[in-house]
Amino acid sequence: MHPTAMDNGRRFFTTYLDASAPALILDIGSQDINGSLRQAAPTGARYVGLDFAQGRGVDRVLDDPYQLPFEDGVADAVVSSSCFEHVDMFWLTFNEILRVLRPGGLFYLNAPSNGAFHRYPVDCWRFYPDAGDALVRWGVRSGFRPALLESFTTYQHLDIWNDFVAVFVKDAAYAALHPRRMLDGIERYMNGRRYGVEGLLNPQADTEDRIRLQALSGRVGPQP
């Protein structure tokens, strides 16, 4: 797990979950590769790691990424970091996540907005600022009532990745149960969204890589 992904996960837990509460947290894509969100989870939580292959940090192996082995409405939170880009039809997984969440339950998503091609076993997707709203529309079309509480794209730190981060509540009627936002503690981010606020916060069309390349080109310039 790259550094910004770990930082974002830790910020989600401290913002949204009570450290002492016995919450059930499901982690989709939990294999510990240079770290795991389990390390940042609240101490009182029951944490279940799910992945498509056995490995460190995996409690249950998924035979089918579109069928989670849990009853309806049992999870307090589902988290997934650096995984959705590897799921062929991640929108079906999103529906399963909504199914297993309790009405006020939360889904935390961290997925790359850029970065190198990296198969596990496939690499299919990158997530832009409208991805969270699109998933909400898909959820509503599928018979759920989710809401996007916040989303944003992070700047790079110690690696090449810009992370798309989103937090959803299963049922929009329970949005008021979660008044705090990760955005309140972040100094720099791009293309943020906040529940109840129209439009993008800190809008930026160019990627960070492109801005850096343009700056480098301007510094180097043609030689006489």
Protein backbone atom coordinates (compact mmCIF):
# COMPACT_ATOMS: atom_id res chain seq x y z
CA MET A 1 0.00 0.00 0.00
CA HIS A 2 1.44 3.34 -1.03
CA PRO A 3 1.81 6.12 1.58
CA THR A 4 -1.12 8.33 0.54
CA ALA A 5 -3.50 5.36 0.55
CA MET A 6 -2.54 4.55 4.14
CA ASP A 7 -2.85 8.20 5.18
CA ASN A 8 -6.29 8.49 3.59
CA GLY A 9 -7.52 5.30 5.24
CA ARG A 10 -6.32 6.44 8.64
CA ARG A 11 -8.07 9.78 8.14
CA PHE A 12 -11.32 8.01 7.22
CA PHE A 13 -11.29 5.92 10.40
CA THR A 14 -10.55 8.86 12.69
CA THR A 15 -13.15 11.08 10.99
CA TYR A 16 -16.07 8.70 10.75
CA LEU A 17 -15.75 5.85 13.27
CA ASP A 18 -15.69 5.71 17.05
CA ALA A 19 -12.38 4.14 18.08
CA SER A 20 -13.96 2.22 20.96
CA ALA A 21 -17.16 1.05 19.24
CA PRO A 22 -17.49 -2.65 18.32
CA ALA A 23 -18.07 -1.89 14.62
CA LEU A 24 -18.00 -4.58 11.94
CA ILE A 25 -15.61 -3.44 9.21
CA LEU A 26 -15.23 -5.37 5.96
CA ASP A 27 -12.11 -4.70 3.88
CA ILE A 28 -12.36 -5.62 0.18
CA GLY A 29 -8.87 -6.11 -1.20
CA SER A 30 -7.30 -6.59 2.22
CA GLN A 31 -4.08 -8.42 1.38
CA ASP A 32 -1.20 -6.80 3.24
CA ILE A 33 1.24 -5.62 0.59
CA ASN A 34 3.50 -2.99 2.16
CA GLY A 35 0.78 -2.31 4.71
CA SER A 36 -2.96 -2.73 5.21
CA LEU A 37 -5.86 -0.56 6.38
CA ARG A 38 -6.27 -3.03 9.24
CA GLN A 39 -3.28 -1.29 10.87
CA ALA A 40 -5.25 1.98 11.04
CA ALA A 41 -8.65 0.57 12.03
CA PRO A 42 -10.31 1.45 15.36
CA THR A 43 -9.09 -0.75 18.18
CA GLY A 44 -12.58 -1.83 19.20
CA ALA A 45 -13.69 -2.95 15.75
CA ARG A 46 -14.25 -6.43 14.41
CA TYR A 47 -12.23 -6.38 11.19
CA VAL A 48 -12.73 -8.92 8.38
CA GLY A 49 -10.30 -8.89 5.47
CA LEU A 50 -11.62 -10.07 2.09
CA ASP A 51 -9.59 -10.67 -1.05
CA PHE A 52 -9.53 -12.71 -4.25
CA ALA A 53 -6.44 -14.68 -3.17
CA GLN A 54 -5.07 -15.99 0.10
CA GLY A 55 -2.35 -13.96 1.76
CA ARG A 56 -1.35 -11.99 4.81
CA GLY A 57 -4.28 -9.91 6.05
CA VAL A 58 -6.91 -12.04 4.29
CA ASP A 59 -9.54 -13.65 6.53
CA ARG A 60 -11.86 -14.87 3.78
CA VAL A 61 -11.14 -15.52 0.10
CA LEU A 62 -13.87 -14.36 -2.27
CA ASP A 63 -14.88 -16.87 -4.92
CA ASP A 64 -16.98 -14.21 -6.64
CA PRO A 65 -16.27 -10.46 -6.28
CA TYR A 66 -19.95 -9.77 -6.96
CA GLN A 67 -21.27 -11.88 -4.07
CA LEU A 68 -20.15 -11.02 -0.56
CA PRO A 69 -20.65 -13.85 1.97
CA PHE A 70 -22.70 -11.80 4.45
CA GLU A 71 -26.35 -11.19 5.26
CA ASP A 72 -28.13 -7.96 4.36
CA GLY A 73 -27.49 -4.93 6.56
CA VAL A 74 -24.81 -6.32 8.89
CA ALA A 75 -21.73 -4.13 8.32
CA ASP A 76 -21.04 -0.76 9.90
CA ALA A 77 -18.41 0.10 7.31
CA VAL A 78 -16.89 -1.36 4.17
CA VAL A 79 -13.49 -0.12 3.04
CA SER A 80 -11.62 -0.73 -0.17
CA SER A 81 -8.24 0.72 -1.06
CA SER A 82 -6.34 0.19 -4.32
CA CYS A 83 -8.72 -2.58 -5.35
CA PHE A 84 -11.59 -1.28 -7.51
CA GLU A 85 -9.26 -0.71 -10.47
CA HIS A 86 -8.75 -4.49 -10.51
CA VAL A 87 -12.47 -5.42 -10.50
CA ASP A 88 -13.88 -5.92 -14.01
CA MET A 89 -17.38 -4.67 -13.09
CA PHE A 90 -16.83 -2.66 -9.91
CA TRP A 91 -20.36 -1.23 -10.09
CA LEU A 92 -21.74 -4.69 -9.27
CA THR A 93 -19.41 -4.89 -6.28
CA PHE A 94 -20.72 -1.47 -5.23
CA ASN A 95 -24.25 -2.89 -5.14
CA GLU A 96 -23.11 -5.79 -2.96
CA ILE A 97 -21.43 -3.35 -0.59
CA LEU A 98 -24.66 -1.37 -0.28
CA ARG A 99 -26.57 -4.60 0.37
CA VAL A 100 -24.42 -5.70 3.31
CA LEU A 101 -24.21 -2.26 4.93
CA ARG A 102 -26.66 -1.27 7.66
CA PRO A 103 -28.80 1.79 6.69
CA GLY A 104 -26.41 4.31 8.25
CA GLY A 105 -23.32 2.32 7.23
CA LEU A 106 -20.42 3.79 5.30
CA PHE A 107 -18.42 2.77 2.26
CA TYR A 108 -14.89 4.19 1.97
CA LEU A 109 -13.29 3.97 -1.48
CA ASN A 110 -9.71 4.78 -2.38
CA ALA A 111 -8.80 4.11 -6.03
CA PRO A 112 -6.15 5.52 -8.37
CA SER A 113 -6.90 8.53 -10.52
CA ASN A 114 -3.68 7.98 -12.47
CA GLY A 115 -0.60 5.77 -12.34
CA ALA A 116 1.21 2.84 -13.89
CA PHE A 117 -0.48 -0.24 -15.36
CA HIS A 118 -0.40 -2.87 -12.61
CA ARG A 119 -2.25 -6.15 -12.94
CA TYR A 120 -3.81 -8.02 -10.01
CA PRO A 121 -4.72 -10.03 -12.06
CA VAL A 122 -6.09 -7.28 -14.31
CA ASP A 123 -5.95 -3.48 -14.23
CA CYS A 124 -9.05 -1.93 -15.81
CA TRP A 125 -9.96 1.48 -14.41
CA ARG A 126 -8.93 4.91 -13.16
CA PHE A 127 -11.35 7.16 -11.24
CA TYR A 128 -12.02 10.82 -12.07
CA PRO A 129 -13.89 13.42 -9.95
CA ASP A 130 -17.36 12.51 -11.26
CA ALA A 131 -16.97 8.82 -10.35
CA GLY A 132 -18.60 9.14 -6.93
CA ASP A 133 -21.72 10.83 -8.30
CA ALA A 134 -21.91 8.22 -11.05
CA LEU A 135 -21.84 5.40 -8.49
CA VAL A 136 -24.65 7.08 -6.54
CA ARG A 137 -26.76 7.26 -9.70
CA TRP A 138 -26.05 3.60 -10.39
CA GLY A 139 -27.00 2.68 -6.82
CA VAL A 140 -30.30 4.56 -7.10
CA ARG A 141 -31.02 2.89 -10.43
CA SER A 142 -30.38 -0.45 -8.72
CA GLY A 143 -32.97 0.21 -6.01
CA PHE A 144 -30.79 1.66 -3.22
CA ARG A 145 -30.72 5.20 -1.78
CA PRO A 146 -27.02 6.00 -1.31
CA ALA A 147 -25.49 9.43 -0.88
CA LEU A 148 -21.98 10.67 -1.53
CA LEU A 149 -20.83 12.40 1.66
CA GLU A 150 -17.56 13.59 0.14
CA SER A 151 -14.97 12.89 -2.52
CA PHE A 152 -11.69 14.40 -3.63
CA THR A 153 -8.40 13.66 -5.37
CA THR A 154 -5.18 13.86 -3.39
CA TYR A 155 -1.83 15.23 -4.44
CA GLN A 156 1.16 12.93 -4.76
CA HIS A 157 3.37 12.28 -1.74
CA LEU A 158 6.42 10.01 -1.82
CA ASP A 159 5.04 8.12 -4.84
CA ILE A 160 3.45 8.50 -8.29
CA TRP A 161 -0.21 8.10 -7.32
CA ASN A 162 -3.04 10.60 -7.15
CA ASP A 163 -5.80 8.89 -5.14
CA PHE A 164 -9.50 9.34 -5.76
CA VAL A 165 -11.20 9.13 -2.36
CA ALA A 166 -14.94 8.86 -1.75
CA VAL A 167 -17.18 8.20 1.25
CA PHE A 168 -20.76 7.01 0.77
CA VAL A 169 -23.59 6.39 3.23
CA LYS A 170 -25.92 3.53 2.29
CA ASP A 171 -29.12 5.53 2.81
CA ALA A 172 -29.23 9.28 2.28
CA ALA A 173 -31.78 9.56 5.11
CA TYR A 174 -28.93 8.79 7.54
CA ALA A 175 -26.44 11.36 6.20
CA ALA A 176 -26.94 13.61 9.25
CA LEU A 177 -25.46 10.87 11.46
CA HIS A 178 -22.09 11.66 9.90
CA PRO A 179 -21.48 15.44 10.15
CA ARG A 180 -17.67 15.35 10.00
CA ARG A 181 -15.66 15.29 6.79
CA MET A 182 -12.13 14.24 5.88
CA LEU A 183 -11.92 17.41 3.79
CA ASP A 184 -11.94 19.48 6.97
CA GLY A 185 -8.48 18.19 7.84
CA ILE A 186 -6.85 18.30 4.39
CA GLU A 187 -4.93 21.35 3.30
CA ARG A 188 -4.45 20.45 -0.38
CA TYR A 189 -6.78 18.46 -2.61
CA MET A 190 -8.30 18.67 -6.08
CA ASN A 191 -11.89 18.50 -7.33
CA GLY A 192 -13.64 17.93 -4.05
CA ARG A 193 -17.31 17.26 -3.51
CA ARG A 194 -19.22 17.71 -0.27
CA TYR A 195 -22.73 16.53 0.56
CA GLY A 196 -25.17 19.44 0.32
CA VAL A 197 -22.72 21.69 -1.57
CA GLU A 198 -23.12 22.30 -5.29
CA GLY A 199 -20.19 22.02 -7.68
CA LEU A 200 -16.53 21.14 -7.27
CA LEU A 201 -14.29 22.44 -4.50
CA ASN A 202 -10.77 23.40 -5.60
CA PRO A 203 -11.50 22.50 -9.24
CA GLN A 204 -8.50 21.54 -11.34
CA ALA A 205 -8.69 20.22 -14.90
CA ASP A 206 -5.03 19.35 -15.42
CA THR A 207 -3.51 16.34 -13.70
CA GLU A 208 -0.64 16.86 -11.31
CA ASP A 209 1.65 14.97 -13.70
CA ARG A 210 0.75 17.32 -16.56
CA ILE A 211 1.31 20.42 -14.42
CA ARG A 212 4.73 19.13 -13.38
CA LEU A 213 5.63 18.31 -16.98
CA GLN A 214 4.60 21.78 -18.14
CA ALA A 215 6.67 23.36 -15.37
CA LEU A 216 9.65 21.22 -16.29
CA SER A 217 9.29 22.10 -19.99
CA GLY A 218 9.14 25.79 -19.10
CA ARG A 219 12.31 25.54 -17.00
CA VAL A 220 14.29 23.61 -19.59
CA GLY A 221 13.13 25.41 -22.74
CA PRO A 222 14.95 25.47 -26.07
CA GLN A 223 18.70 25.89 -25.90
CA PRO A 224 20.42 28.59 -28.02
